[in-house]
Amino acid sequence: MKIQLGKIAHARSGDKGNLVNIGVIAYAPEHYATLLREVTAERVKAHFADRIEGSVERFELPNIQALNFVCRQALMGGGTLSLLSDAQGKSFGGGILSLEIEA
């Protein structure tokens, strides 16, 4: 069954320059295995294909049932260099929650 990631996890995100950091945290410990299986660096890059020009690296944090993604070249230069209307990484946290996963 397909569901949106937001049904089993919440997210936080931020930026530094042209780099975006996205944390995805399972609501319950039993959902962490689903995060590991379904939320890969490749899927995150594909989900934000129109925004992330660089690499995406995933870090696993099993002690808090979370994943952290570092997305490079994601803000068209970032901050004052970008022509984006919102050149900050805050919106990536909300955006990742619409990712469809297999539950």
C-alpha atoms as a PDB file:
ATOM      1  CA  MET A   1       0.000   0.000   0.000  1.00  0.00           C
ATOM      2  CA  LYS A   2       1.330   3.438  -0.954  1.00  0.00           C
ATOM      3  CA  ILE A   3       1.195   6.279   1.566  1.00  0.00           C
ATOM      4  CA  GLN A   4       2.772   9.688   1.893  1.00  0.00           C
ATOM      5  CA  LEU A   5       5.870   9.803   4.075  1.00  0.00           C
ATOM      6  CA  GLY A   6       4.133  12.322   6.339  1.00  0.00           C
ATOM      7  CA  LYS A   7       1.846   9.562   7.660  1.00  0.00           C
ATOM      8  CA  ILE A   8       4.754   7.868   9.490  1.00  0.00           C
ATOM      9  CA  ALA A   9       7.337  10.633   9.942  1.00  0.00           C
ATOM     10  CA  HIS A  10       7.905  14.321  10.465  1.00  0.00           C
ATOM     11  CA  ALA A  11      10.733  16.431   9.093  1.00  0.00           C
ATOM     12  CA  ARG A  12      12.944  19.416   9.792  1.00  0.00           C
ATOM     13  CA  SER A  13      15.156  21.193   7.322  1.00  0.00           C
ATOM     14  CA  GLY A  14      17.482  24.122   6.983  1.00  0.00           C
ATOM     15  CA  ASP A  15      20.228  25.543   4.846  1.00  0.00           C
ATOM     16  CA  LYS A  16      23.741  26.902   4.845  1.00  0.00           C
ATOM     17  CA  GLY A  17      24.790  28.601   1.641  1.00  0.00           C
ATOM     18  CA  ASN A  18      23.884  26.311  -1.261  1.00  0.00           C
ATOM     19  CA  LEU A  19      23.441  23.227   0.939  1.00  0.00           C
ATOM     20  CA  VAL A  20      20.152  21.912   2.330  1.00  0.00           C
ATOM     21  CA  ASN A  21      19.901  19.591   5.307  1.00  0.00           C
ATOM     22  CA  ILE A  22      16.716  17.482   5.710  1.00  0.00           C
ATOM     23  CA  GLY A  23      15.986  15.419   8.822  1.00  0.00           C
ATOM     24  CA  VAL A  24      13.253  12.761   8.604  1.00  0.00           C
ATOM     25  CA  ILE A  25      12.168  11.334  11.968  1.00  0.00           C
ATOM     26  CA  ALA A  26       9.856   8.345  12.418  1.00  0.00           C
ATOM     27  CA  TYR A  27       6.804   8.932  14.605  1.00  0.00           C
ATOM     28  CA  ALA A  28       7.221   5.456  16.098  1.00  0.00           C
ATOM     29  CA  PRO A  29      10.267   3.166  16.376  1.00  0.00           C
ATOM     30  CA  GLU A  30       8.550   0.492  14.269  1.00  0.00           C
ATOM     31  CA  HIS A  31       8.472   2.881  11.281  1.00  0.00           C
ATOM     32  CA  TYR A  32      12.248   3.296  11.162  1.00  0.00           C
ATOM     33  CA  ALA A  33      12.729   0.138   9.066  1.00  0.00           C
ATOM     34  CA  THR A  34      10.324   1.589   6.491  1.00  0.00           C
ATOM     35  CA  LEU A  35      12.335   4.815   6.384  1.00  0.00           C
ATOM     36  CA  LEU A  36      15.547   2.855   5.833  1.00  0.00           C
ATOM     37  CA  ARG A  37      14.008   0.849   3.007  1.00  0.00           C
ATOM     38  CA  GLU A  38      11.989   3.537   1.240  1.00  0.00           C
ATOM     39  CA  VAL A  39      13.697   6.888   1.777  1.00  0.00           C
ATOM     40  CA  THR A  40      16.995   6.588  -0.070  1.00  0.00           C
ATOM     41  CA  ALA A  41      19.331   9.333  -1.218  1.00  0.00           C
ATOM     42  CA  GLU A  42      18.365   8.529  -4.810  1.00  0.00           C
ATOM     43  CA  ARG A  43      14.648   8.901  -4.089  1.00  0.00           C
ATOM     44  CA  VAL A  44      15.185  12.210  -2.287  1.00  0.00           C
ATOM     45  CA  LYS A  45      17.210  13.540  -5.228  1.00  0.00           C
ATOM     46  CA  ALA A  46      14.517  12.387  -7.682  1.00  0.00           C
ATOM     47  CA  HIS A  47      11.740  13.888  -5.528  1.00  0.00           C
ATOM     48  CA  PHE A  48      13.467  17.282  -5.648  1.00  0.00           C
ATOM     49  CA  ALA A  49      14.838  16.862  -9.185  1.00  0.00           C
ATOM     50  CA  ASP A  50      13.926  20.425 -10.129  1.00  0.00           C
ATOM     51  CA  ARG A  51      15.769  21.869  -7.105  1.00  0.00           C
ATOM     52  CA  ILE A  52      18.785  19.680  -6.248  1.00  0.00           C
ATOM     53  CA  GLU A  53      21.566  19.952  -8.808  1.00  0.00           C
ATOM     54  CA  GLY A  54      24.300  18.291  -6.730  1.00  0.00           C
ATOM     55  CA  SER A  55      24.639  15.106  -4.720  1.00  0.00           C
ATOM     56  CA  VAL A  56      22.461  13.827  -1.889  1.00  0.00           C
ATOM     57  CA  GLU A  57      24.061  11.936   0.985  1.00  0.00           C
ATOM     58  CA  ARG A  58      22.098   9.966   3.605  1.00  0.00           C
ATOM     59  CA  PHE A  59      23.114   9.511   7.214  1.00  0.00           C
ATOM     60  CA  GLU A  60      21.341   6.989   9.467  1.00  0.00           C
ATOM     61  CA  LEU A  61      20.590   7.845  13.103  1.00  0.00           C
ATOM     62  CA  PRO A  62      19.112   4.648  14.574  1.00  0.00           C
ATOM     63  CA  ASN A  63      19.281   5.901  18.173  1.00  0.00           C
ATOM     64  CA  ILE A  64      16.563   8.461  17.344  1.00  0.00           C
ATOM     65  CA  GLN A  65      14.911   6.546  14.441  1.00  0.00           C
ATOM     66  CA  ALA A  66      15.857   9.248  11.963  1.00  0.00           C
ATOM     67  CA  LEU A  67      17.588   9.875   8.660  1.00  0.00           C
ATOM     68  CA  ASN A  68      19.516  12.990   7.737  1.00  0.00           C
ATOM     69  CA  PHE A  69      20.041  14.050   4.121  1.00  0.00           C
ATOM     70  CA  VAL A  70      22.675  16.529   3.010  1.00  0.00           C
ATOM     71  CA  CYS A  71      21.716  17.973  -0.382  1.00  0.00           C
ATOM     72  CA  ARG A  72      24.400  19.912  -2.230  1.00  0.00           C
ATOM     73  CA  GLN A  73      23.774  22.613  -4.834  1.00  0.00           C
ATOM     74  CA  ALA A  74      20.121  22.806  -3.854  1.00  0.00           C
ATOM     75  CA  LEU A  75      19.421  26.539  -3.676  1.00  0.00           C
ATOM     76  CA  MET A  76      20.792  27.960  -6.934  1.00  0.00           C
ATOM     77  CA  GLY A  77      23.638  29.572  -5.009  1.00  0.00           C
ATOM     78  CA  GLY A  78      21.662  30.117  -1.808  1.00  0.00           C
ATOM     79  CA  GLY A  79      20.607  33.220   0.099  1.00  0.00           C
ATOM     80  CA  THR A  80      21.457  36.448  -1.657  1.00  0.00           C
ATOM     81  CA  LEU A  81      22.997  34.748  -4.728  1.00  0.00           C
ATOM     82  CA  SER A  82      19.839  32.960  -5.821  1.00  0.00           C
ATOM     83  CA  LEU A  83      17.011  34.201  -8.013  1.00  0.00           C
ATOM     84  CA  LEU A  84      14.554  31.874  -6.244  1.00  0.00           C
ATOM     85  CA  SER A  85      11.702  33.635  -4.448  1.00  0.00           C
ATOM     86  CA  ASP A  86      12.426  31.450  -1.377  1.00  0.00           C
ATOM     87  CA  ALA A  87      16.131  30.608  -1.437  1.00  0.00           C
ATOM     88  CA  GLN A  88      16.085  28.855   1.925  1.00  0.00           C
ATOM     89  CA  GLY A  89      15.972  25.189   2.827  1.00  0.00           C
ATOM     90  CA  LYS A  90      13.074  25.434   5.289  1.00  0.00           C
ATOM     91  CA  SER A  91      10.497  24.323   2.725  1.00  0.00           C
ATOM     92  CA  PHE A  92      12.319  21.078   1.913  1.00  0.00           C
ATOM     93  CA  GLY A  93      11.117  19.514   5.186  1.00  0.00           C
ATOM     94  CA  GLY A  94       7.500  19.968   4.208  1.00  0.00           C
ATOM     95  CA  GLY A  95       8.207  18.924   0.637  1.00  0.00           C
ATOM     96  CA  ILE A  96       9.771  15.598   1.573  1.00  0.00           C
ATOM     97  CA  LEU A  97       6.634  14.557   3.479  1.00  0.00           C
ATOM     98  CA  SER A  98       4.677  14.253   0.218  1.00  0.00           C
ATOM     99  CA  LEU A  99       7.047  11.534  -1.027  1.00  0.00           C
ATOM    100  CA  GLU A 100       5.017   8.391  -1.774  1.00  0.00           C
ATOM    101  CA  ILE A 101       6.404   5.275  -0.120  1.00  0.00           C
ATOM    102  CA  GLU A 102       5.382   1.646   0.201  1.00  0.00           C
ATOM    103  CA  ALA A 103       4.068   1.039   3.717  1.00  0.00           C
END
